[in-house]
Each structure stands twice: as structure tokens, then as C-alpha cells.
Amino acid sequence: MRVAPLDFPKLLSQVEKEGDVVEHTTLSEEKTTQVVDTEARLKNLTAYRDSLRAMLGRPGLNIKDSIEIQEKLSDVESDLDSETAKRKILANETEKFAVEIEFRVRDANRRRSSFAPLWSALGEAGETLAESLGLW
């Protein structure tokens, strides 16, 4: 899920009420360049679209030129829509935290036996072996 930065402490507090937080890791991903590039493309495409619209409004424009300008205008507007969608996705990614929560239930039998850590390690080793052999 994605959470606004100001809401993250509330989310973490709520999760802590549901059980013991065993591990809490924070990672970040740099997206500044992508945001700047997308905004620059949006600015340039908008200016180009506006100049094409101005060309269409010139008096005495012949039909051939008018058709070519309209085709180019259609392409530019499609590119603008695509870049606008990219910017919205980037806004969601940069203005909110990506949060992944994994819940694990403790096995009551494991707590009773002093061999629980050994059985757990053997089980994990077996899973790793099965995954390595492509059986899992």
C-alpha cells in the first residue's frame, strides 16, 4: 500500500497494537531525475501544442498544411496525455511511502520445545534446498 508520510506513524502504531514488530526496514528510491524530465517534457509538449494550435488559426492556411498540422497536433496531444499519466504515477510514488507488511503467526508447539530453533533451521534449510532444486 502507499501511505502519505504524515500518516505512516499512525499506521505503524496501529500495526504495533496487533502484534510484535520484529523487523522494521526503511528504503528509499531516488526519482527526482524522472520527475524533472517528465515535467520538462510536459512543458515542451504544451508549448509545441500551443504553437500548432496557433498555426491552425492563421488566415489563408491551405488544406494540405491544415491536415498536416492537425495530424501533428493529434500526435502531440497523445504524447501529452501519456506524459501527464506518467507524472501522476510519479506523484503517487514520490508523495507517498510504499509500505509492505508481512504478518507471521507463531506456532504454539515451537515455544514448548527446546529443540524449536533446531527444527526451524532444518525446515528453512529444507525449503531452501527445495527452492534451489526447483521443487518448490
N, C-alpha and C. Protein backbone atom coordinates (compact mmCIF):
# COMPACT_ATOMS: atom_id res chain seq x y z
N MET A 1 0.84 -1.17 0.00
CA MET A 1 0.00 0.00 0.00
C MET A 1 0.88 1.24 0.00
N ARG A 2 0.34 2.34 -0.37
CA ARG A 2 1.06 3.60 -0.33
C ARG A 2 0.41 4.49 0.72
N VAL A 3 1.26 5.13 1.51
CA VAL A 3 0.80 5.93 2.64
C VAL A 3 1.48 7.29 2.60
N ALA A 4 0.73 8.34 2.87
CA ALA A 4 1.32 9.68 2.97
C ALA A 4 2.29 9.70 4.14
N PRO A 5 3.39 10.43 4.02
CA PRO A 5 4.40 10.45 5.08
C PRO A 5 3.84 10.80 6.47
N LEU A 6 2.90 11.73 6.53
CA LEU A 6 2.34 12.11 7.83
C LEU A 6 1.47 11.01 8.44
N ASP A 7 0.96 10.10 7.61
CA ASP A 7 0.11 9.01 8.10
C ASP A 7 0.90 7.76 8.48
N PHE A 8 2.17 7.69 8.10
CA PHE A 8 2.97 6.50 8.39
C PHE A 8 3.09 6.20 9.88
N PRO A 9 3.38 7.18 10.75
CA PRO A 9 3.46 6.86 12.19
C PRO A 9 2.15 6.27 12.73
N LYS A 10 1.02 6.76 12.24
CA LYS A 10 -0.27 6.22 12.69
C LYS A 10 -0.42 4.77 12.26
N LEU A 11 -0.01 4.47 11.01
CA LEU A 11 -0.09 3.10 10.50
C LEU A 11 0.81 2.18 11.32
N LEU A 12 2.03 2.61 11.57
CA LEU A 12 2.98 1.80 12.35
C LEU A 12 2.45 1.57 13.76
N SER A 13 1.87 2.59 14.35
CA SER A 13 1.30 2.46 15.69
C SER A 13 0.17 1.45 15.70
N GLN A 14 -0.66 1.47 14.68
CA GLN A 14 -1.77 0.51 14.59
C GLN A 14 -1.26 -0.91 14.42
N VAL A 15 -0.23 -1.09 13.59
CA VAL A 15 0.35 -2.42 13.38
C VAL A 15 0.95 -2.94 14.67
N GLU A 16 1.62 -2.08 15.43
CA GLU A 16 2.24 -2.48 16.69
C GLU A 16 1.20 -2.95 17.71
N LYS A 17 -0.02 -2.46 17.62
CA LYS A 17 -1.10 -2.90 18.52
C LYS A 17 -1.54 -4.33 18.21
N GLU A 18 -1.32 -4.76 16.96
CA GLU A 18 -1.76 -6.08 16.52
C GLU A 18 -0.76 -7.19 16.84
N GLY A 19 0.46 -6.84 17.17
CA GLY A 19 1.46 -7.85 17.47
C GLY A 19 2.82 -7.23 17.65
N ASP A 20 3.82 -8.07 17.81
CA ASP A 20 5.19 -7.61 17.99
C ASP A 20 5.81 -7.28 16.63
N VAL A 21 6.38 -6.10 16.51
CA VAL A 21 7.11 -5.74 15.30
C VAL A 21 8.51 -6.30 15.47
N VAL A 22 8.83 -7.30 14.66
CA VAL A 22 10.11 -7.98 14.76
C VAL A 22 11.17 -7.27 13.94
N GLU A 23 10.77 -6.74 12.80
CA GLU A 23 11.73 -6.09 11.90
C GLU A 23 11.04 -4.91 11.24
N HIS A 24 11.76 -3.81 11.14
CA HIS A 24 11.23 -2.61 10.50
C HIS A 24 12.36 -2.04 9.65
N THR A 25 12.18 -2.05 8.34
CA THR A 25 13.22 -1.60 7.42
C THR A 25 12.69 -0.43 6.61
N THR A 26 13.53 0.54 6.37
CA THR A 26 13.16 1.70 5.56
C THR A 26 14.10 1.78 4.36
N LEU A 27 13.54 1.86 3.18
CA LEU A 27 14.31 2.01 1.95
C LEU A 27 13.80 3.23 1.20
N SER A 28 14.64 3.84 0.40
CA SER A 28 14.19 4.96 -0.42
C SER A 28 14.68 4.77 -1.85
N GLU A 29 13.95 5.36 -2.76
CA GLU A 29 14.31 5.27 -4.17
C GLU A 29 14.32 6.68 -4.75
N GLU A 30 15.38 7.03 -5.41
CA GLU A 30 15.54 8.38 -5.98
C GLU A 30 14.78 8.49 -7.30
N LYS A 31 13.85 9.41 -7.36
CA LYS A 31 13.05 9.60 -8.57
C LYS A 31 13.08 11.05 -9.05
N THR A 32 13.94 11.87 -8.47
CA THR A 32 13.99 13.29 -8.81
C THR A 32 14.23 13.50 -10.30
N THR A 33 15.17 12.77 -10.87
CA THR A 33 15.50 12.93 -12.29
C THR A 33 14.30 12.60 -13.17
N GLN A 34 13.59 11.53 -12.83
CA GLN A 34 12.41 11.15 -13.61
C GLN A 34 11.34 12.23 -13.54
N VAL A 35 11.14 12.79 -12.35
CA VAL A 35 10.13 13.84 -12.18
C VAL A 35 10.51 15.08 -12.99
N VAL A 36 11.76 15.49 -12.88
CA VAL A 36 12.23 16.69 -13.60
C VAL A 36 12.12 16.48 -15.11
N ASP A 37 12.54 15.30 -15.60
CA ASP A 37 12.46 15.01 -17.04
C ASP A 37 11.01 15.01 -17.53
N THR A 38 10.13 14.40 -16.76
CA THR A 38 8.72 14.33 -17.16
C THR A 38 8.10 15.72 -17.18
N GLU A 39 8.41 16.53 -16.19
CA GLU A 39 7.87 17.89 -16.16
C GLU A 39 8.42 18.72 -17.32
N ALA A 40 9.68 18.53 -17.68
CA ALA A 40 10.26 19.25 -18.82
C ALA A 40 9.58 18.84 -20.12
N ARG A 41 9.35 17.53 -20.29
CA ARG A 41 8.66 17.05 -21.49
C ARG A 41 7.24 17.61 -21.56
N LEU A 42 6.57 17.66 -20.42
CA LEU A 42 5.22 18.23 -20.38
C LEU A 42 5.23 19.71 -20.80
N LYS A 43 6.20 20.45 -20.29
CA LYS A 43 6.31 21.87 -20.63
C LYS A 43 6.57 22.05 -22.13
N ASN A 44 7.51 21.27 -22.67
CA ASN A 44 7.84 21.38 -24.09
C ASN A 44 6.68 20.96 -24.99
N LEU A 45 6.03 19.86 -24.63
CA LEU A 45 4.89 19.40 -25.44
C LEU A 45 3.74 20.39 -25.39
N THR A 46 3.52 21.00 -24.24
CA THR A 46 2.46 22.00 -24.12
C THR A 46 2.75 23.21 -25.01
N ALA A 47 4.00 23.67 -24.99
CA ALA A 47 4.38 24.81 -25.84
C ALA A 47 4.23 24.44 -27.32
N TYR A 48 4.63 23.23 -27.69
CA TYR A 48 4.52 22.78 -29.08
C TYR A 48 3.06 22.69 -29.50
N ARG A 49 2.23 22.13 -28.62
CA ARG A 49 0.79 22.04 -28.91
C ARG A 49 0.20 23.43 -29.13
N ASP A 50 0.57 24.37 -28.27
CA ASP A 50 0.04 25.72 -28.38
C ASP A 50 0.47 26.39 -29.69
N SER A 51 1.72 26.14 -30.12
CA SER A 51 2.19 26.73 -31.38
C SER A 51 1.47 26.09 -32.57
N LEU A 52 1.20 24.79 -32.50
CA LEU A 52 0.44 24.13 -33.58
C LEU A 52 -0.98 24.68 -33.66
N ARG A 53 -1.59 24.91 -32.51
CA ARG A 53 -2.94 25.49 -32.49
C ARG A 53 -2.93 26.90 -33.10
N ALA A 54 -1.87 27.65 -32.79
CA ALA A 54 -1.76 29.00 -33.35
C ALA A 54 -1.61 28.94 -34.87
N MET A 55 -0.86 27.95 -35.36
CA MET A 55 -0.69 27.79 -36.81
C MET A 55 -2.02 27.48 -37.48
N LEU A 56 -2.83 26.68 -36.82
CA LEU A 56 -4.14 26.34 -37.39
C LEU A 56 -5.05 27.57 -37.50
N GLY A 57 -4.83 28.53 -36.64
CA GLY A 57 -5.67 29.73 -36.64
C GLY A 57 -5.25 30.81 -37.62
N ARG A 58 -4.14 30.57 -38.33
CA ARG A 58 -3.68 31.58 -39.30
C ARG A 58 -4.64 31.66 -40.48
N PRO A 59 -4.92 32.86 -40.91
CA PRO A 59 -5.77 33.00 -42.09
C PRO A 59 -5.03 32.58 -43.36
N GLY A 60 -5.73 32.03 -44.30
CA GLY A 60 -5.16 31.65 -45.58
C GLY A 60 -4.41 30.34 -45.56
N LEU A 61 -4.58 29.53 -44.53
CA LEU A 61 -3.90 28.23 -44.44
C LEU A 61 -4.53 27.27 -45.45
N ASN A 62 -3.69 26.65 -46.28
CA ASN A 62 -4.25 25.73 -47.28
C ASN A 62 -4.62 24.41 -46.62
N ILE A 63 -5.41 23.62 -47.31
CA ILE A 63 -5.97 22.37 -46.76
C ILE A 63 -4.86 21.37 -46.44
N LYS A 64 -3.89 21.25 -47.34
CA LYS A 64 -2.81 20.28 -47.13
C LYS A 64 -2.05 20.59 -45.83
N ASP A 65 -1.67 21.86 -45.64
CA ASP A 65 -0.96 22.25 -44.42
C ASP A 65 -1.85 22.07 -43.19
N SER A 66 -3.12 22.38 -43.33
CA SER A 66 -4.06 22.23 -42.23
C SER A 66 -4.16 20.77 -41.77
N ILE A 67 -4.23 19.86 -42.72
CA ILE A 67 -4.31 18.43 -42.40
C ILE A 67 -3.03 17.96 -41.72
N GLU A 68 -1.88 18.39 -42.23
CA GLU A 68 -0.60 18.00 -41.63
C GLU A 68 -0.48 18.52 -40.19
N ILE A 69 -0.90 19.76 -39.98
CA ILE A 69 -0.83 20.35 -38.64
C ILE A 69 -1.77 19.62 -37.69
N GLN A 70 -2.97 19.29 -38.17
CA GLN A 70 -3.93 18.57 -37.32
C GLN A 70 -3.42 17.18 -36.96
N GLU A 71 -2.77 16.51 -37.90
CA GLU A 71 -2.19 15.19 -37.60
C GLU A 71 -1.09 15.30 -36.55
N LYS A 72 -0.23 16.30 -36.74
CA LYS A 72 0.85 16.51 -35.78
C LYS A 72 0.28 16.91 -34.42
N LEU A 73 -0.75 17.72 -34.41
CA LEU A 73 -1.41 18.15 -33.18
C LEU A 73 -2.00 16.94 -32.43
N SER A 74 -2.58 16.04 -33.18
CA SER A 74 -3.14 14.83 -32.59
C SER A 74 -2.04 13.99 -31.92
N ASP A 75 -0.91 13.85 -32.60
CA ASP A 75 0.23 13.11 -32.03
C ASP A 75 0.75 13.78 -30.75
N VAL A 76 0.87 15.09 -30.79
CA VAL A 76 1.38 15.82 -29.64
C VAL A 76 0.42 15.71 -28.46
N GLU A 77 -0.87 15.79 -28.72
CA GLU A 77 -1.85 15.67 -27.63
C GLU A 77 -1.84 14.27 -27.03
N SER A 78 -1.61 13.27 -27.86
CA SER A 78 -1.48 11.90 -27.36
C SER A 78 -0.24 11.77 -26.47
N ASP A 79 0.88 12.36 -26.92
CA ASP A 79 2.11 12.35 -26.11
C ASP A 79 1.90 13.10 -24.80
N LEU A 80 1.17 14.20 -24.86
CA LEU A 80 0.88 14.97 -23.65
C LEU A 80 0.07 14.15 -22.65
N ASP A 81 -0.93 13.43 -23.15
CA ASP A 81 -1.74 12.57 -22.28
C ASP A 81 -0.87 11.51 -21.62
N SER A 82 0.04 10.92 -22.39
CA SER A 82 0.92 9.89 -21.86
C SER A 82 1.85 10.45 -20.78
N GLU A 83 2.43 11.60 -21.04
CA GLU A 83 3.34 12.22 -20.07
C GLU A 83 2.59 12.67 -18.81
N THR A 84 1.36 13.13 -18.99
CA THR A 84 0.54 13.52 -17.83
C THR A 84 0.25 12.31 -16.96
N ALA A 85 -0.04 11.18 -17.58
CA ALA A 85 -0.27 9.94 -16.82
C ALA A 85 1.00 9.53 -16.08
N LYS A 86 2.16 9.62 -16.75
CA LYS A 86 3.44 9.30 -16.09
C LYS A 86 3.66 10.18 -14.87
N ARG A 87 3.35 11.46 -15.02
CA ARG A 87 3.56 12.41 -13.93
C ARG A 87 2.66 12.08 -12.74
N LYS A 88 1.42 11.66 -13.01
CA LYS A 88 0.51 11.28 -11.93
C LYS A 88 1.04 10.05 -11.20
N ILE A 89 1.56 9.08 -11.95
CA ILE A 89 2.13 7.88 -11.33
C ILE A 89 3.34 8.25 -10.48
N LEU A 90 4.20 9.10 -11.02
CA LEU A 90 5.38 9.54 -10.27
C LEU A 90 4.98 10.31 -9.01
N ALA A 91 3.93 11.12 -9.12
CA ALA A 91 3.46 11.86 -7.94
C ALA A 91 3.03 10.89 -6.85
N ASN A 92 2.32 9.84 -7.23
CA ASN A 92 1.88 8.85 -6.25
C ASN A 92 3.08 8.14 -5.63
N GLU A 93 4.10 7.88 -6.44
CA GLU A 93 5.29 7.18 -5.95
C GLU A 93 6.18 8.08 -5.09
N THR A 94 6.21 9.37 -5.39
CA THR A 94 7.13 10.25 -4.67
C THR A 94 6.47 10.96 -3.49
N GLU A 95 5.16 11.07 -3.50
CA GLU A 95 4.48 11.78 -2.43
C GLU A 95 3.99 10.85 -1.33
N LYS A 96 4.13 9.54 -1.55
CA LYS A 96 3.68 8.56 -0.55
C LYS A 96 4.75 7.50 -0.37
N PHE A 97 4.73 6.87 0.81
CA PHE A 97 5.63 5.76 1.10
C PHE A 97 5.00 4.47 0.59
N ALA A 98 5.82 3.62 0.03
CA ALA A 98 5.36 2.26 -0.28
C ALA A 98 5.58 1.44 0.98
N VAL A 99 4.52 0.81 1.46
CA VAL A 99 4.59 0.05 2.70
C VAL A 99 4.20 -1.40 2.42
N GLU A 100 5.03 -2.30 2.88
CA GLU A 100 4.75 -3.73 2.75
C GLU A 100 4.76 -4.31 4.16
N ILE A 101 3.67 -4.94 4.54
CA ILE A 101 3.55 -5.51 5.88
C ILE A 101 3.38 -7.02 5.73
N GLU A 102 4.18 -7.75 6.48
CA GLU A 102 4.10 -9.20 6.46
C GLU A 102 3.80 -9.67 7.88
N PHE A 103 2.72 -10.44 8.02
CA PHE A 103 2.33 -10.97 9.32
C PHE A 103 2.74 -12.44 9.40
N ARG A 104 3.28 -12.83 10.52
CA ARG A 104 3.64 -14.23 10.75
C ARG A 104 3.03 -14.67 12.07
N VAL A 105 2.46 -15.84 12.06
CA VAL A 105 1.85 -16.40 13.27
C VAL A 105 2.86 -17.33 13.92
N ARG A 106 3.04 -17.18 15.21
CA ARG A 106 3.94 -18.07 15.93
C ARG A 106 3.25 -19.41 16.15
N ASP A 107 3.98 -20.47 15.99
CA ASP A 107 3.46 -21.81 16.22
C ASP A 107 3.59 -22.12 17.71
N ALA A 108 2.47 -22.42 18.35
CA ALA A 108 2.47 -22.68 19.79
C ALA A 108 3.37 -23.86 20.14
N ASN A 109 3.47 -24.87 19.28
CA ASN A 109 4.30 -26.04 19.56
C ASN A 109 5.78 -25.69 19.60
N ARG A 110 6.17 -24.75 18.81
CA ARG A 110 7.58 -24.37 18.78
C ARG A 110 8.04 -23.77 20.10
N ARG A 111 7.17 -23.05 20.76
CA ARG A 111 7.55 -22.40 22.01
C ARG A 111 7.72 -23.41 23.16
N ARG A 112 7.10 -24.54 23.06
CA ARG A 112 7.15 -25.53 24.13
C ARG A 112 8.43 -26.36 24.11
N SER A 113 9.01 -26.54 22.96
CA SER A 113 10.16 -27.43 22.82
C SER A 113 11.46 -26.65 22.82
N SER A 114 12.47 -27.19 23.49
CA SER A 114 13.78 -26.55 23.48
C SER A 114 14.50 -26.81 22.16
N PHE A 115 13.95 -27.76 21.36
CA PHE A 115 14.52 -28.06 20.05
C PHE A 115 13.91 -27.20 18.94
N ALA A 116 13.01 -26.29 19.30
CA ALA A 116 12.31 -25.48 18.30
C ALA A 116 13.27 -24.75 17.36
N PRO A 117 14.32 -24.11 17.86
CA PRO A 117 15.24 -23.44 16.92
C PRO A 117 15.88 -24.40 15.92
N LEU A 118 16.20 -25.61 16.39
CA LEU A 118 16.80 -26.60 15.51
C LEU A 118 15.82 -27.03 14.42
N TRP A 119 14.58 -27.32 14.81
CA TRP A 119 13.56 -27.73 13.84
C TRP A 119 13.28 -26.60 12.85
N SER A 120 13.27 -25.39 13.36
CA SER A 120 13.04 -24.24 12.49
C SER A 120 14.15 -24.10 11.45
N ALA A 121 15.39 -24.23 11.91
CA ALA A 121 16.54 -24.13 11.00
C ALA A 121 16.51 -25.25 9.97
N LEU A 122 16.18 -26.47 10.40
CA LEU A 122 16.09 -27.60 9.47
C LEU A 122 14.98 -27.38 8.44
N GLY A 123 13.86 -26.86 8.91
CA GLY A 123 12.75 -26.58 8.00
C GLY A 123 13.13 -25.54 6.96
N GLU A 124 13.79 -24.47 7.39
CA GLU A 124 14.22 -23.44 6.46
C GLU A 124 15.26 -23.97 5.48
N ALA A 125 16.16 -24.82 5.96
CA ALA A 125 17.18 -25.41 5.08
C ALA A 125 16.51 -26.30 4.03
N GLY A 126 15.49 -27.05 4.45
CA GLY A 126 14.75 -27.88 3.51
C GLY A 126 14.02 -27.06 2.46
N GLU A 127 13.43 -25.94 2.87
CA GLU A 127 12.76 -25.06 1.93
C GLU A 127 13.76 -24.48 0.93
N THR A 128 14.92 -24.06 1.43
CA THR A 128 15.95 -23.51 0.55
C THR A 128 16.43 -24.54 -0.45
N LEU A 129 16.63 -25.77 0.00
CA LEU A 129 17.05 -26.85 -0.89
C LEU A 129 15.99 -27.12 -1.95
N ALA A 130 14.73 -27.16 -1.53
CA ALA A 130 13.64 -27.41 -2.48
C ALA A 130 13.54 -26.29 -3.52
N GLU A 131 13.70 -25.05 -3.07
CA GLU A 131 13.67 -23.92 -4.00
C GLU A 131 14.83 -23.99 -4.98
N SER A 132 16.02 -24.36 -4.47
CA SER A 132 17.21 -24.44 -5.32
C SER A 132 17.07 -25.51 -6.38
N LEU A 133 16.41 -26.59 -6.03
CA LEU A 133 16.21 -27.70 -6.98
C LEU A 133 14.99 -27.49 -7.86
N GLY A 134 14.27 -26.40 -7.62
CA GLY A 134 13.09 -26.10 -8.43
C GLY A 134 11.89 -26.96 -8.06
N LEU A 135 11.88 -27.48 -6.85
CA LEU A 135 10.78 -28.34 -6.42
C LEU A 135 9.69 -27.54 -5.71
N TRP A 136 9.99 -26.34 -5.31
CA TRP A 136 9.04 -25.53 -4.53
C TRP A 136 8.41 -24.50 -5.38
